[in-house]
Amino acid sequence: MVEGRKSEHAENLGSHGGRASSWLAVTVMVLGTAVAGYGLTAANWTLVWIGGGVFVVGAILALVFDIVTDVVIDAPRAGLRAEDHR
């Protein structure tokens, strides 16, 4: 491989890293889930609703940032039949 150039195999793999905005949305949702979970175990309904609200804010951020289209793993595979999944 020539220095500074990616191999053809490496170019087709894509990236699992994601964007910083996607990580922010996921972090907000995880934080909301953690707060709501703690509120459930502590029988504190105020914390449950606050955690639920934080989760909804994270979900809205995820929709705005379009995190579903963030990561491309590899190119579509052509020529594989359903039986070739082994």
PDB file of N, CA and C in Angstrom:
ATOM      1  N   MET A   1       0.839  -1.170   0.000  1.00  0.00           N
ATOM      2  CA  MET A   1       0.000   0.000   0.000  1.00  0.00           C
ATOM      3  C   MET A   1       0.892   1.244   0.000  1.00  0.00           C
ATOM      4  N   VAL A   2       0.562   2.199  -0.826  1.00  0.00           N
ATOM      5  CA  VAL A   2       1.310   3.440  -0.924  1.00  0.00           C
ATOM      6  C   VAL A   2       0.964   4.314   0.276  1.00  0.00           C
ATOM      7  N   GLU A   3       1.973   4.940   0.844  1.00  0.00           N
ATOM      8  CA  GLU A   3       1.749   5.775   2.016  1.00  0.00           C
ATOM      9  C   GLU A   3       0.828   6.939   1.668  1.00  0.00           C
ATOM     10  N   GLY A   4      -0.159   7.195   2.534  1.00  0.00           N
ATOM     11  CA  GLY A   4      -1.089   8.293   2.308  1.00  0.00           C
ATOM     12  C   GLY A   4      -2.316   7.896   1.506  1.00  0.00           C
ATOM     13  N   ARG A   5      -2.365   6.674   0.998  1.00  0.00           N
ATOM     14  CA  ARG A   5      -3.522   6.217   0.230  1.00  0.00           C
ATOM     15  C   ARG A   5      -4.139   5.027   0.941  1.00  0.00           C
ATOM     16  N   LYS A   6      -5.451   4.985   0.951  1.00  0.00           N
ATOM     17  CA  LYS A   6      -6.153   3.861   1.563  1.00  0.00           C
ATOM     18  C   LYS A   6      -6.253   2.723   0.556  1.00  0.00           C
ATOM     19  N   SER A   7      -6.251   1.524   1.070  1.00  0.00           N
ATOM     20  CA  SER A   7      -6.458   0.389   0.183  1.00  0.00           C
ATOM     21  C   SER A   7      -7.924   0.358  -0.242  1.00  0.00           C
ATOM     22  N   GLU A   8      -8.194  -0.342  -1.337  1.00  0.00           N
ATOM     23  CA  GLU A   8      -9.566  -0.438  -1.818  1.00  0.00           C
ATOM     24  C   GLU A   8     -10.456  -1.111  -0.777  1.00  0.00           C
ATOM     25  N   HIS A   9      -9.910  -2.102  -0.080  1.00  0.00           N
ATOM     26  CA  HIS A   9     -10.678  -2.795   0.957  1.00  0.00           C
ATOM     27  C   HIS A   9     -11.042  -1.843   2.091  1.00  0.00           C
ATOM     28  N   ALA A  10     -10.124  -1.008   2.515  1.00  0.00           N
ATOM     29  CA  ALA A  10     -10.377  -0.085   3.622  1.00  0.00           C
ATOM     30  C   ALA A  10     -11.400   0.975   3.243  1.00  0.00           C
ATOM     31  N   GLU A  11     -11.439   1.397   1.984  1.00  0.00           N
ATOM     32  CA  GLU A  11     -12.393   2.414   1.566  1.00  0.00           C
ATOM     33  C   GLU A  11     -13.822   1.895   1.602  1.00  0.00           C
ATOM     34  N   ASN A  12     -14.021   0.606   1.387  1.00  0.00           N
ATOM     35  CA  ASN A  12     -15.366   0.038   1.357  1.00  0.00           C
ATOM     36  C   ASN A  12     -15.924  -0.248   2.738  1.00  0.00           C
ATOM     37  N   LEU A  13     -15.106  -0.183   3.768  1.00  0.00           N
ATOM     38  CA  LEU A  13     -15.576  -0.532   5.103  1.00  0.00           C
ATOM     39  C   LEU A  13     -16.386   0.571   5.758  1.00  0.00           C
ATOM     40  N   GLY A  14     -16.223   1.814   5.364  1.00  0.00           N
ATOM     41  CA  GLY A  14     -16.952   2.892   5.994  1.00  0.00           C
ATOM     42  C   GLY A  14     -16.418   3.180   7.380  1.00  0.00           C
ATOM     43  N   SER A  15     -17.261   3.787   8.209  1.00  0.00           N
ATOM     44  CA  SER A  15     -16.825   4.187   9.543  1.00  0.00           C
ATOM     45  C   SER A  15     -17.930   3.907  10.546  1.00  0.00           C
ATOM     46  N   HIS A  16     -17.556   3.468  11.734  1.00  0.00           N
ATOM     47  CA  HIS A  16     -18.507   3.277  12.815  1.00  0.00           C
ATOM     48  C   HIS A  16     -18.500   4.457  13.772  1.00  0.00           C
ATOM     49  N   GLY A  17     -17.678   5.448  13.494  1.00  0.00           N
ATOM     50  CA  GLY A  17     -17.470   6.532  14.440  1.00  0.00           C
ATOM     51  C   GLY A  17     -18.653   7.443  14.655  1.00  0.00           C
ATOM     52  N   GLY A  18     -19.314   7.860  13.616  1.00  0.00           N
ATOM     53  CA  GLY A  18     -20.430   8.786  13.758  1.00  0.00           C
ATOM     54  C   GLY A  18     -19.963  10.211  13.963  1.00  0.00           C
ATOM     55  N   ARG A  19     -20.914  11.112  13.914  1.00  0.00           N
ATOM     56  CA  ARG A  19     -20.625  12.539  14.104  1.00  0.00           C
ATOM     57  C   ARG A  19     -20.781  12.916  15.574  1.00  0.00           C
ATOM     58  N   ALA A  20     -20.201  14.021  15.935  1.00  0.00           N
ATOM     59  CA  ALA A  20     -20.300  14.505  17.322  1.00  0.00           C
ATOM     60  C   ALA A  20     -21.748  14.825  17.681  1.00  0.00           C
ATOM     61  N   SER A  21     -22.516  15.343  16.734  1.00  0.00           N
ATOM     62  CA  SER A  21     -23.919  15.661  17.005  1.00  0.00           C
ATOM     63  C   SER A  21     -24.723  14.394  17.303  1.00  0.00           C
ATOM     64  N   SER A  22     -24.398  13.311  16.627  1.00  0.00           N
ATOM     65  CA  SER A  22     -25.084  12.044  16.900  1.00  0.00           C
ATOM     66  C   SER A  22     -24.751  11.538  18.300  1.00  0.00           C
ATOM     67  N   TRP A  23     -23.487  11.646  18.668  1.00  0.00           N
ATOM     68  CA  TRP A  23     -23.082  11.221  20.009  1.00  0.00           C
ATOM     69  C   TRP A  23     -23.755  12.075  21.081  1.00  0.00           C
ATOM     70  N   LEU A  24     -23.944  13.366  20.804  1.00  0.00           N
ATOM     71  CA  LEU A  24     -24.619  14.247  21.751  1.00  0.00           C
ATOM     72  C   LEU A  24     -26.059  13.787  21.964  1.00  0.00           C
ATOM     73  N   ALA A  25     -26.775  13.506  20.879  1.00  0.00           N
ATOM     74  CA  ALA A  25     -28.168  13.064  20.992  1.00  0.00           C
ATOM     75  C   ALA A  25     -28.267  11.758  21.770  1.00  0.00           C
ATOM     76  N   VAL A  26     -27.402  10.815  21.489  1.00  0.00           N
ATOM     77  CA  VAL A  26     -27.426   9.530  22.190  1.00  0.00           C
ATOM     78  C   VAL A  26     -27.062   9.709  23.655  1.00  0.00           C
ATOM     79  N   THR A  27     -26.102  10.558  23.951  1.00  0.00           N
ATOM     80  CA  THR A  27     -25.707  10.806  25.335  1.00  0.00           C
ATOM     81  C   THR A  27     -26.853  11.414  26.135  1.00  0.00           C
ATOM     82  N   VAL A  28     -27.587  12.352  25.530  1.00  0.00           N
ATOM     83  CA  VAL A  28     -28.730  12.969  26.207  1.00  0.00           C
ATOM     84  C   VAL A  28     -29.798  11.911  26.491  1.00  0.00           C
ATOM     85  N   MET A  29     -30.047  11.006  25.524  1.00  0.00           N
ATOM     86  CA  MET A  29     -31.048   9.956  25.745  1.00  0.00           C
ATOM     87  C   MET A  29     -30.614   8.975  26.834  1.00  0.00           C
ATOM     88  N   VAL A  30     -29.331   8.622  26.860  1.00  0.00           N
ATOM     89  CA  VAL A  30     -28.831   7.715  27.899  1.00  0.00           C
ATOM     90  C   VAL A  30     -28.926   8.381  29.273  1.00  0.00           C
ATOM     91  N   LEU A  31     -28.595   9.668  29.343  1.00  0.00           N
ATOM     92  CA  LEU A  31     -28.711  10.399  30.605  1.00  0.00           C
ATOM     93  C   LEU A  31     -30.154  10.428  31.086  1.00  0.00           C
ATOM     94  N   GLY A  32     -31.086  10.687  30.180  1.00  0.00           N
ATOM     95  CA  GLY A  32     -32.500  10.683  30.545  1.00  0.00           C
ATOM     96  C   GLY A  32     -32.960   9.325  31.039  1.00  0.00           C
ATOM     97  N   THR A  33     -32.491   8.263  30.375  1.00  0.00           N
ATOM     98  CA  THR A  33     -32.846   6.909  30.803  1.00  0.00           C
ATOM     99  C   THR A  33     -32.286   6.620  32.198  1.00  0.00           C
ATOM    100  N   ALA A  34     -31.061   7.048  32.446  1.00  0.00           N
ATOM    101  CA  ALA A  34     -30.442   6.816  33.757  1.00  0.00           C
ATOM    102  C   ALA A  34     -31.183   7.571  34.860  1.00  0.00           C
ATOM    103  N   VAL A  35     -31.553   8.812  34.611  1.00  0.00           N
ATOM    104  CA  VAL A  35     -32.273   9.600  35.620  1.00  0.00           C
ATOM    105  C   VAL A  35     -33.641   8.985  35.886  1.00  0.00           C
ATOM    106  N   ALA A  36     -34.351   8.594  34.817  1.00  0.00           N
ATOM    107  CA  ALA A  36     -35.670   7.979  34.997  1.00  0.00           C
ATOM    108  C   ALA A  36     -35.555   6.636  35.715  1.00  0.00           C
ATOM    109  N   GLY A  37     -34.535   5.861  35.384  1.00  0.00           N
ATOM    110  CA  GLY A  37     -34.333   4.574  36.051  1.00  0.00           C
ATOM    111  C   GLY A  37     -34.035   4.740  37.526  1.00  0.00           C
ATOM    112  N   TYR A  38     -33.212   5.714  37.847  1.00  0.00           N
ATOM    113  CA  TYR A  38     -32.936   5.978  39.264  1.00  0.00           C
ATOM    114  C   TYR A  38     -34.215   6.431  39.971  1.00  0.00           C
ATOM    115  N   GLY A  39     -34.993   7.283  39.293  1.00  0.00           N
ATOM    116  CA  GLY A  39     -36.254   7.735  39.882  1.00  0.00           C
ATOM    117  C   GLY A  39     -37.211   6.590  40.145  1.00  0.00           C
ATOM    118  N   LEU A  40     -37.232   5.603  39.247  1.00  0.00           N
ATOM    119  CA  LEU A  40     -38.093   4.439  39.465  1.00  0.00           C
ATOM    120  C   LEU A  40     -37.647   3.632  40.677  1.00  0.00           C
ATOM    121  N   THR A  41     -36.350   3.416  40.800  1.00  0.00           N
ATOM    122  CA  THR A  41     -35.864   2.614  41.930  1.00  0.00           C
ATOM    123  C   THR A  41     -35.971   3.365  43.248  1.00  0.00           C
ATOM    124  N   ALA A  42     -35.933   4.696  43.218  1.00  0.00           N
ATOM    125  CA  ALA A  42     -36.045   5.494  44.434  1.00  0.00           C
ATOM    126  C   ALA A  42     -37.491   5.889  44.722  1.00  0.00           C
ATOM    127  N   ALA A  43     -38.431   5.447  43.865  1.00  0.00           N
ATOM    128  CA  ALA A  43     -39.854   5.782  43.997  1.00  0.00           C
ATOM    129  C   ALA A  43     -40.064   7.298  44.027  1.00  0.00           C
ATOM    130  N   ASN A  44     -39.325   7.987  43.176  1.00  0.00           N
ATOM    131  CA  ASN A  44     -39.421   9.436  43.079  1.00  0.00           C
ATOM    132  C   ASN A  44     -39.977   9.768  41.692  1.00  0.00           C
ATOM    133  N   TRP A  45     -41.292  10.018  41.635  1.00  0.00           N
ATOM    134  CA  TRP A  45     -41.937  10.230  40.336  1.00  0.00           C
ATOM    135  C   TRP A  45     -41.504  11.519  39.665  1.00  0.00           C
ATOM    136  N   THR A  46     -41.042  12.478  40.423  1.00  0.00           N
ATOM    137  CA  THR A  46     -40.525  13.712  39.819  1.00  0.00           C
ATOM    138  C   THR A  46     -39.304  13.412  38.963  1.00  0.00           C
ATOM    139  N   LEU A  47     -38.388  12.589  39.486  1.00  0.00           N
ATOM    140  CA  LEU A  47     -37.199  12.215  38.713  1.00  0.00           C
ATOM    141  C   LEU A  47     -37.569  11.373  37.491  1.00  0.00           C
ATOM    142  N   VAL A  48     -38.578  10.525  37.615  1.00  0.00           N
ATOM    143  CA  VAL A  48     -39.011   9.714  36.477  1.00  0.00           C
ATOM    144  C   VAL A  48     -39.472  10.621  35.338  1.00  0.00           C
ATOM    145  N   TRP A  49     -40.284  11.607  35.661  1.00  0.00           N
ATOM    146  CA  TRP A  49     -40.785  12.508  34.619  1.00  0.00           C
ATOM    147  C   TRP A  49     -39.700  13.426  34.071  1.00  0.00           C
ATOM    148  N   ILE A  50     -38.777  13.866  34.917  1.00  0.00           N
ATOM    149  CA  ILE A  50     -37.652  14.678  34.428  1.00  0.00           C
ATOM    150  C   ILE A  50     -36.793  13.843  33.485  1.00  0.00           C
ATOM    151  N   GLY A  51     -36.488  12.612  33.866  1.00  0.00           N
ATOM    152  CA  GLY A  51     -35.709  11.728  33.003  1.00  0.00           C
ATOM    153  C   GLY A  51     -36.416  11.443  31.699  1.00  0.00           C
ATOM    154  N   GLY A  52     -37.724  11.245  31.770  1.00  0.00           N
ATOM    155  CA  GLY A  52     -38.498  11.041  30.544  1.00  0.00           C
ATOM    156  C   GLY A  52     -38.454  12.261  29.636  1.00  0.00           C
ATOM    157  N   GLY A  53     -38.524  13.432  30.228  1.00  0.00           N
ATOM    158  CA  GLY A  53     -38.436  14.668  29.443  1.00  0.00           C
ATOM    159  C   GLY A  53     -37.073  14.843  28.798  1.00  0.00           C
ATOM    160  N   VAL A  54     -36.019  14.522  29.541  1.00  0.00           N
ATOM    161  CA  VAL A  54     -34.661  14.603  28.987  1.00  0.00           C
ATOM    162  C   VAL A  54     -34.507  13.620  27.831  1.00  0.00           C
ATOM    163  N   PHE A  55     -35.078  12.422  27.983  1.00  0.00           N
ATOM    164  CA  PHE A  55     -35.027  11.434  26.902  1.00  0.00           C
ATOM    165  C   PHE A  55     -35.741  11.955  25.655  1.00  0.00           C
ATOM    166  N   VAL A  56     -36.890  12.571  25.827  1.00  0.00           N
ATOM    167  CA  VAL A  56     -37.638  13.113  24.678  1.00  0.00           C
ATOM    168  C   VAL A  56     -36.835  14.216  23.992  1.00  0.00           C
ATOM    169  N   VAL A  57     -36.171  15.053  24.767  1.00  0.00           N
ATOM    170  CA  VAL A  57     -35.308  16.083  24.177  1.00  0.00           C
ATOM    171  C   VAL A  57     -34.205  15.430  23.344  1.00  0.00           C
ATOM    172  N   GLY A  58     -33.596  14.368  23.858  1.00  0.00           N
ATOM    173  CA  GLY A  58     -32.577  13.636  23.104  1.00  0.00           C
ATOM    174  C   GLY A  58     -33.131  13.014  21.841  1.00  0.00           C
ATOM    175  N   ALA A  59     -34.356  12.493  21.906  1.00  0.00           N
ATOM    176  CA  ALA A  59     -34.978  11.901  20.723  1.00  0.00           C
ATOM    177  C   ALA A  59     -35.263  12.964  19.665  1.00  0.00           C
ATOM    178  N   ILE A  60     -35.676  14.124  20.088  1.00  0.00           N
ATOM    179  CA  ILE A  60     -35.898  15.225  19.136  1.00  0.00           C
ATOM    180  C   ILE A  60     -34.574  15.638  18.500  1.00  0.00           C
ATOM    181  N   LEU A  61     -33.518  15.716  19.306  1.00  0.00           N
ATOM    182  CA  LEU A  61     -32.195  16.014  18.753  1.00  0.00           C
ATOM    183  C   LEU A  61     -31.780  14.962  17.732  1.00  0.00           C
ATOM    184  N   ALA A  62     -32.066  13.697  18.032  1.00  0.00           N
ATOM    185  CA  ALA A  62     -31.720  12.617  17.104  1.00  0.00           C
ATOM    186  C   ALA A  62     -32.451  12.771  15.779  1.00  0.00           C
ATOM    187  N   LEU A  63     -33.708  13.173  15.828  1.00  0.00           N
ATOM    188  CA  LEU A  63     -34.454  13.405  14.589  1.00  0.00           C
ATOM    189  C   LEU A  63     -33.904  14.591  13.816  1.00  0.00           C
ATOM    190  N   VAL A  64     -33.580  15.657  14.527  1.00  0.00           N
ATOM    191  CA  VAL A  64     -33.047  16.859  13.871  1.00  0.00           C
ATOM    192  C   VAL A  64     -31.676  16.589  13.260  1.00  0.00           C
ATOM    193  N   PHE A  65     -30.830  15.852  13.964  1.00  0.00           N
ATOM    194  CA  PHE A  65     -29.482  15.560  13.475  1.00  0.00           C
ATOM    195  C   PHE A  65     -29.451  14.410  12.477  1.00  0.00           C
ATOM    196  N   ASP A  66     -30.574  13.699  12.320  1.00  0.00           N
ATOM    197  CA  ASP A  66     -30.703  12.581  11.382  1.00  0.00           C
ATOM    198  C   ASP A  66     -29.605  11.542  11.621  1.00  0.00           C
ATOM    199  N   ILE A  67     -29.580  11.012  12.840  1.00  0.00           N
ATOM    200  CA  ILE A  67     -28.500  10.095  13.210  1.00  0.00           C
ATOM    201  C   ILE A  67     -28.604   8.738  12.539  1.00  0.00           C
ATOM    202  N   VAL A  68     -29.759   8.404  11.980  1.00  0.00           N
ATOM    203  CA  VAL A  68     -29.921   7.095  11.349  1.00  0.00           C
ATOM    204  C   VAL A  68     -29.044   6.971  10.103  1.00  0.00           C
ATOM    205  N   THR A  69     -28.836   8.058   9.398  1.00  0.00           N
ATOM    206  CA  THR A  69     -28.035   8.030   8.176  1.00  0.00           C
ATOM    207  C   THR A  69     -26.570   8.366   8.427  1.00  0.00           C
ATOM    208  N   ASP A  70     -26.166   8.364   9.674  1.00  0.00           N
ATOM    209  CA  ASP A  70     -24.824   8.816  10.032  1.00  0.00           C
ATOM    210  C   ASP A  70     -23.724   7.833   9.650  1.00  0.00           C
ATOM    211  N   VAL A  71     -23.913   6.558   9.890  1.00  0.00           N
ATOM    212  CA  VAL A  71     -22.852   5.582   9.732  1.00  0.00           C
ATOM    213  C   VAL A  71     -23.102   4.706   8.509  1.00  0.00           C
ATOM    214  N   VAL A  72     -22.088   4.589   7.666  1.00  0.00           N
ATOM    215  CA  VAL A  72     -22.147   3.690   6.520  1.00  0.00           C
ATOM    216  C   VAL A  72     -21.145   2.580   6.778  1.00  0.00           C
ATOM    217  N   ILE A  73     -21.632   1.352   6.920  1.00  0.00           N
ATOM    218  CA  ILE A  73     -20.743   0.251   7.271  1.00  0.00           C
ATOM    219  C   ILE A  73     -19.991  -0.263   6.054  1.00  0.00           C
ATOM    220  N   ASP A  74     -20.672  -0.589   4.993  1.00  0.00           N
ATOM    221  CA  ASP A  74     -20.011  -1.030   3.775  1.00  0.00           C
ATOM    222  C   ASP A  74     -20.967  -0.922   2.597  1.00  0.00           C
ATOM    223  N   ALA A  75     -20.436  -1.174   1.420  1.00  0.00           N
ATOM    224  CA  ALA A  75     -21.234  -1.091   0.205  1.00  0.00           C
ATOM    225  C   ALA A  75     -22.227  -2.258   0.180  1.00  0.00           C
ATOM    226  N   PRO A  76     -23.366  -2.075  -0.499  1.00  0.00           N
ATOM    227  CA  PRO A  76     -24.322  -3.180  -0.611  1.00  0.00           C
ATOM    228  C   PRO A  76     -23.672  -4.390  -1.280  1.00  0.00           C
ATOM    229  N   ARG A  77     -24.029  -5.551  -0.814  1.00  0.00           N
ATOM    230  CA  ARG A  77     -23.459  -6.785  -1.348  1.00  0.00           C
ATOM    231  C   ARG A  77     -24.336  -7.306  -2.470  1.00  0.00           C
ATOM    232  N   ALA A  78     -23.752  -7.453  -3.625  1.00  0.00           N
ATOM    233  CA  ALA A  78     -24.499  -7.957  -4.779  1.00  0.00           C
ATOM    234  C   ALA A  78     -24.155  -9.418  -5.002  1.00  0.00           C
ATOM    235  N   GLY A  79     -25.123 -10.165  -5.492  1.00  0.00           N
ATOM    236  CA  GLY A  79     -24.872 -11.542  -5.873  1.00  0.00           C
ATOM    237  C   GLY A  79     -25.048 -12.568  -4.776  1.00  0.00           C
ATOM    238  N   LEU A  80     -25.417 -12.158  -3.579  1.00  0.00           N
ATOM    239  CA  LEU A  80     -25.633 -13.122  -2.511  1.00  0.00           C
ATOM    240  C   LEU A  80     -27.090 -13.557  -2.492  1.00  0.00           C
ATOM    241  N   ARG A  81     -27.287 -14.841  -2.394  1.00  0.00           N
ATOM    242  CA  ARG A  81     -28.646 -15.359  -2.263  1.00  0.00           C
ATOM    243  C   ARG A  81     -28.959 -15.543  -0.780  1.00  0.00           C
ATOM    244  N   ALA A  82     -30.221 -15.764  -0.481  1.00  0.00           N
ATOM    245  CA  ALA A  82     -30.637 -15.943   0.907  1.00  0.00           C
ATOM    246  C   ALA A  82     -29.983 -17.175   1.528  1.00  0.00           C
ATOM    247  N   GLU A  83     -29.649 -18.178   0.703  1.00  0.00           N
ATOM    248  CA  GLU A  83     -29.055 -19.395   1.222  1.00  0.00           C
ATOM    249  C   GLU A  83     -27.576 -19.198   1.588  1.00  0.00           C
ATOM    250  N   ASP A  84     -26.951 -18.142   1.134  1.00  0.00           N
ATOM    251  CA  ASP A  84     -25.521 -17.923   1.341  1.00  0.00           C
ATOM    252  C   ASP A  84     -25.218 -17.140   2.611  1.00  0.00           C
ATOM    253  N   HIS A  85     -26.033 -17.251   3.596  1.00  0.00           N
ATOM    254  CA  HIS A  85     -25.841 -16.446   4.807  1.00  0.00           C
ATOM    255  C   HIS A  85     -24.903 -17.080   5.822  1.00  0.00           C
ATOM    256  N   ARG A  86     -24.354 -18.238   5.539  1.00  0.00           N
ATOM    257  CA  ARG A  86     -23.461 -18.919   6.483  1.00  0.00           C
ATOM    258  C   ARG A  86     -22.157 -18.241   6.613  1.00  0.00           C
TER     259      ARG A  86
END
